[in-house]
N, C-alpha and C. Protein backbone atom coordinates (compact mmCIF):
# COMPACT_ATOMS: atom_id res chain seq x y z
N MET A 1 41.42 35.80 128.08
CA MET A 1 41.96 36.74 126.96
C MET A 1 41.55 36.36 125.08
N SER A 2 40.70 36.80 125.04
CA SER A 2 40.14 36.17 123.00
C SER A 2 41.50 36.74 122.52
N GLY A 3 42.07 36.18 121.50
CA GLY A 3 42.99 37.27 120.41
C GLY A 3 41.89 38.38 120.00
N GLY A 4 40.55 38.70 119.81
CA GLY A 4 40.32 40.20 119.53
C GLY A 4 40.46 41.28 120.29
N LEU A 5 40.27 40.26 121.66
CA LEU A 5 40.07 41.29 122.54
C LEU A 5 42.29 42.01 122.85
N ILE A 6 42.79 40.71 122.57
CA ILE A 6 44.62 40.79 122.51
C ILE A 6 44.72 42.22 120.91
N PHE A 7 44.74 42.29 120.15
CA PHE A 7 44.67 42.15 119.24
C PHE A 7 44.02 44.12 119.30
N ALA A 8 42.73 43.40 119.75
CA ALA A 8 42.05 45.63 120.23
C ALA A 8 43.05 46.83 120.71
N ILE A 9 43.89 45.53 121.62
CA ILE A 9 44.47 46.52 121.88
C ILE A 9 45.78 46.75 121.99
N ILE A 10 46.43 45.44 121.29
CA ILE A 10 47.64 46.36 119.77
C ILE A 10 47.39 47.17 119.14
N MET A 11 46.16 47.22 118.51
CA MET A 11 46.09 48.07 117.13
C MET A 11 45.45 49.84 118.36
N ALA A 12 45.39 49.64 119.33
CA ALA A 12 45.02 50.75 120.10
C ALA A 12 46.34 51.77 120.29
N VAL A 13 47.64 50.66 121.30
CA VAL A 13 48.88 51.04 121.17
C VAL A 13 49.15 52.29 120.07
N VAL A 14 49.46 50.95 119.38
CA VAL A 14 49.55 51.82 118.19
C VAL A 14 49.00 53.00 117.80
N PHE A 15 47.67 52.61 117.94
CA PHE A 15 46.85 54.18 117.68
C PHE A 15 47.30 55.41 118.52
N VAL A 16 47.44 55.21 119.62
CA VAL A 16 47.88 56.26 120.89
C VAL A 16 48.67 56.13 120.85
N ALA A 17 50.38 55.51 120.13
CA ALA A 17 51.38 56.53 120.02
C ALA A 17 51.54 56.93 118.77
N LEU A 18 50.60 56.88 117.41
CA LEU A 18 50.05 57.56 116.61
C LEU A 18 50.34 59.16 116.73
N GLY A 19 48.72 59.03 117.41
CA GLY A 19 48.22 59.98 118.10
C GLY A 19 49.03 60.79 119.21
N LEU A 20 50.21 60.91 119.54
CA LEU A 20 51.10 61.33 120.35
C LEU A 20 52.03 61.87 119.69
N ALA A 21 52.97 61.28 118.46
CA ALA A 21 53.69 61.27 117.62
C ALA A 21 53.71 62.82 116.75
N ASP A 22 54.52 63.81 116.48
CA ASP A 22 54.17 65.47 115.44
C ASP A 22 53.57 64.26 114.40
N GLN A 23 52.67 64.88 114.33
CA GLN A 23 51.84 64.98 113.28
C GLN A 23 52.44 65.95 111.89
N ARG A 24 52.84 66.89 112.33
CA ARG A 24 53.77 67.72 111.02
C ARG A 24 54.91 66.82 110.42
N LYS A 25 55.86 66.26 110.65
CA LYS A 25 56.60 65.79 110.83
C LYS A 25 56.51 64.01 110.30
N MET A 26 54.88 63.21 111.02
CA MET A 26 54.44 62.57 110.24
C MET A 26 54.25 63.58 108.34
N TRP A 27 53.31 64.18 108.35
CA TRP A 27 53.68 64.22 107.33
C TRP A 27 54.63 64.61 106.46
N TRP A 28 55.44 64.94 106.91
CA TRP A 28 56.11 65.31 106.16
C TRP A 28 57.66 64.00 104.90
N ARG A 29 57.20 63.44 105.77
CA ARG A 29 58.00 61.67 105.98
C ARG A 29 57.02 60.41 104.96
N PHE A 30 55.87 61.00 105.32
CA PHE A 30 55.05 59.60 104.53
C PHE A 30 54.59 60.96 103.37
N ARG A 31 53.28 61.96 103.33
CA ARG A 31 53.20 62.51 102.00
C ARG A 31 53.61 63.43 101.22
N ALA A 32 54.72 63.42 102.05
CA ALA A 32 54.69 65.22 100.98
C ALA A 32 55.12 64.98 99.38
N ARG A 33 56.44 64.12 99.76
CA ARG A 33 56.86 63.66 98.36
C ARG A 33 55.89 62.95 97.21
N TRP A 34 54.45 63.53 97.63
CA TRP A 34 53.28 62.88 96.50
C TRP A 34 53.58 64.34 95.92
N TYR A 35 53.94 65.90 96.32
CA TYR A 35 53.47 66.43 96.05
C TYR A 35 54.95 67.06 95.48
N ARG A 36 54.26 67.90 93.78
CA ARG A 36 54.74 68.59 92.84
C ARG A 36 55.86 69.69 93.97
N ASN A 37 55.19 70.45 94.66
CA ASN A 37 55.17 71.96 95.53
C ASN A 37 54.72 71.35 96.82
N PRO A 38 55.60 70.04 98.04
CA PRO A 38 54.87 70.84 99.66
C PRO A 38 54.09 71.29 100.46
N GLU A 39 55.43 72.12 100.33
CA GLU A 39 55.18 73.51 100.23
C GLU A 39 53.11 74.08 100.28
N ALA A 40 53.34 74.06 99.60
CA ALA A 40 51.66 75.19 99.08
C ALA A 40 50.17 73.62 99.46
N ASN A 41 51.05 72.02 99.60
CA ASN A 41 49.31 71.32 100.22
C ASN A 41 50.56 71.12 101.64
N GLU A 42 51.07 71.36 102.33
CA GLU A 42 50.91 71.15 103.44
C GLU A 42 49.44 71.63 104.07
N PRO A 43 49.17 70.29 105.35
CA PRO A 43 47.84 70.80 106.09
C PRO A 43 47.84 71.15 106.91
N SER A 44 46.56 72.33 107.07
CA SER A 44 47.13 73.49 108.70
C SER A 44 47.19 72.89 109.58
N ASP A 45 46.55 73.61 110.59
CA ASP A 45 46.86 72.75 112.49
C ASP A 45 45.79 72.30 113.28
N ALA A 46 45.13 73.53 111.70
CA ALA A 46 43.33 72.44 111.91
C ALA A 46 43.65 70.96 112.03
N ALA A 47 43.90 71.33 110.78
CA ALA A 47 43.80 69.79 109.71
C ALA A 47 44.76 68.51 111.02
N MET A 48 46.29 69.22 111.29
CA MET A 48 46.81 67.79 112.12
C MET A 48 46.60 67.91 113.27
N ARG A 49 45.40 68.48 113.89
CA ARG A 49 44.33 68.30 115.58
C ARG A 49 43.38 67.36 114.74
N THR A 50 42.75 67.47 113.31
CA THR A 50 41.64 66.84 113.63
C THR A 50 43.38 65.22 113.45
N MET A 51 43.54 65.18 112.06
CA MET A 51 43.91 64.08 112.17
C MET A 51 44.46 63.59 113.28
N ARG A 52 44.99 64.36 114.43
CA ARG A 52 45.20 63.66 116.43
C ARG A 52 44.62 63.37 116.79
N MET A 53 43.47 63.69 116.50
CA MET A 53 41.78 63.35 117.75
C MET A 53 41.32 61.87 117.41
N LEU A 54 41.55 62.32 115.22
CA LEU A 54 41.01 60.62 115.59
C LEU A 54 41.91 59.54 115.36
N PHE A 55 42.86 59.36 115.80
CA PHE A 55 44.17 58.63 115.50
C PHE A 55 43.70 57.83 117.41
N PHE A 56 42.87 58.87 118.56
CA PHE A 56 42.82 58.38 119.72
C PHE A 56 41.37 58.68 119.29
N VAL A 57 40.64 58.68 118.69
CA VAL A 57 38.95 58.17 118.51
C VAL A 57 38.91 56.56 118.21
N GLY A 58 39.94 56.64 117.38
CA GLY A 58 40.11 55.52 116.84
C GLY A 58 40.62 54.60 117.30
N ALA A 59 41.55 54.21 119.33
CA ALA A 59 41.90 53.88 120.00
C ALA A 59 40.66 53.30 121.22
N ALA A 60 39.78 54.26 121.15
CA ALA A 60 38.61 53.99 121.54
C ALA A 60 37.69 53.65 121.33
N VAL A 61 37.61 53.41 120.14
CA VAL A 61 37.15 52.76 118.81
C VAL A 61 37.39 51.02 119.41
N LEU A 62 38.11 50.94 119.65
CA LEU A 62 38.46 49.62 119.11
C LEU A 62 39.71 49.13 120.78
N LEU A 63 39.64 49.81 121.83
CA LEU A 63 39.36 49.68 122.81
C LEU A 63 37.52 48.79 123.18
N PHE A 64 36.83 50.06 122.69
CA PHE A 64 34.77 48.78 122.77
C PHE A 64 35.21 48.56 122.20
N GLY A 65 35.45 48.05 120.80
CA GLY A 65 34.71 46.78 120.07
C GLY A 65 35.07 45.82 121.20
N GLY A 66 37.01 45.86 121.51
CA GLY A 66 37.97 44.52 122.74
C GLY A 66 36.28 44.11 122.67
N CYS A 67 36.39 44.92 123.87
CA CYS A 67 35.93 44.63 125.71
C CYS A 67 34.06 44.20 124.82
N GLN A 68 33.30 44.61 123.97
CA GLN A 68 32.59 44.33 123.34
C GLN A 68 32.94 43.01 123.26
N MET A 69 33.07 42.65 122.28
CA MET A 69 34.56 40.81 122.28
C MET A 69 34.23 39.77 122.64
N GLN A 70 34.53 40.72 124.13
CA GLN A 70 35.16 39.53 124.97
C GLN A 70 33.80 39.61 125.84
N ALA A 71 32.94 40.59 126.15
CA ALA A 71 31.88 40.67 127.34
C ALA A 71 30.90 39.04 125.99
N ALA A 72 31.14 39.38 124.84
CA ALA A 72 30.43 38.31 123.53
C ALA A 72 30.44 37.21 124.10
N GLN A 73 32.36 36.94 124.12
CA GLN A 73 32.57 35.76 124.67
C GLN A 73 32.61 35.16 125.67
N ASN A 74 32.45 35.84 126.73
CA ASN A 74 32.22 35.33 127.35
C ASN A 74 30.69 35.24 127.91
N ASP A 75 30.24 35.23 126.90
CA ASP A 75 28.19 34.23 127.21
C ASP A 75 28.21 33.84 126.61
N MET A 76 28.25 33.66 125.37
CA MET A 76 28.37 32.16 124.80
C MET A 76 29.54 30.78 125.37
N ASP A 77 30.20 31.80 126.31
CA ASP A 77 30.69 30.06 126.93
C ASP A 77 29.85 30.02 127.84
N ARG A 78 29.87 30.51 128.69
CA ARG A 78 28.70 30.75 129.28
C ARG A 78 26.98 30.10 129.56
N ILE A 79 26.84 30.12 128.43
CA ILE A 79 25.47 29.53 127.43
C ILE A 79 25.74 28.00 127.20
N GLU A 80 27.03 27.90 127.00
CA GLU A 80 27.59 26.40 126.27
C GLU A 80 27.74 26.03 127.44
N ARG A 81 28.39 26.07 129.02
CA ARG A 81 28.70 25.76 130.08
C ARG A 81 26.87 25.40 130.03
N GLU A 82 26.36 25.97 130.13
CA GLU A 82 24.89 25.52 131.30
C GLU A 82 24.32 25.12 130.51
N MET A 83 24.14 24.65 128.96
CA MET A 83 23.98 24.08 128.64
C MET A 83 24.37 22.59 128.19
N ASP A 84 25.33 22.70 128.65
CA ASP A 84 25.79 20.62 128.43
C ASP A 84 25.42 20.03 129.39
N SER A 85 25.60 21.36 130.92
CA SER A 85 25.65 21.03 131.74
C SER A 85 24.28 19.94 132.08
N GLN A 86 23.28 20.69 132.51
CA GLN A 86 21.89 20.75 132.14
C GLN A 86 21.66 18.79 131.13
N HIS A 87 22.26 18.37 130.36
CA HIS A 87 22.11 17.20 129.10
C HIS A 87 23.52 16.63 130.27
N GLY A 88 23.94 16.72 131.07
CA GLY A 88 24.71 15.39 132.47
C GLY A 88 25.73 15.73 131.26
N TRP A 89 26.46 16.32 130.71
CA TRP A 89 27.43 16.38 129.85
C TRP A 89 28.48 17.40 131.08
N ASP A 90 28.94 17.45 131.61
CA ASP A 90 29.26 18.06 132.02
C ASP A 90 30.71 17.82 132.81
């Protein structure tokens, strides 16, 4: 398993965990202090759902990219082995 796939899996797990977390609590903890009146600037429920879905979509994209990276690496390894065996370097 290549390092790229391992990194993609770890980051996908982080994104899924962030998607499962309470988005409103995360907003109050990390973003509310940026506003003078946080109650007036609190995102709507639709914005919170959108953020949650973006975390899940990001996790899916990371896993897809990691699998594509691994497939490309496997193809390159196979081509290298074929080239070496054709020249008797096996």
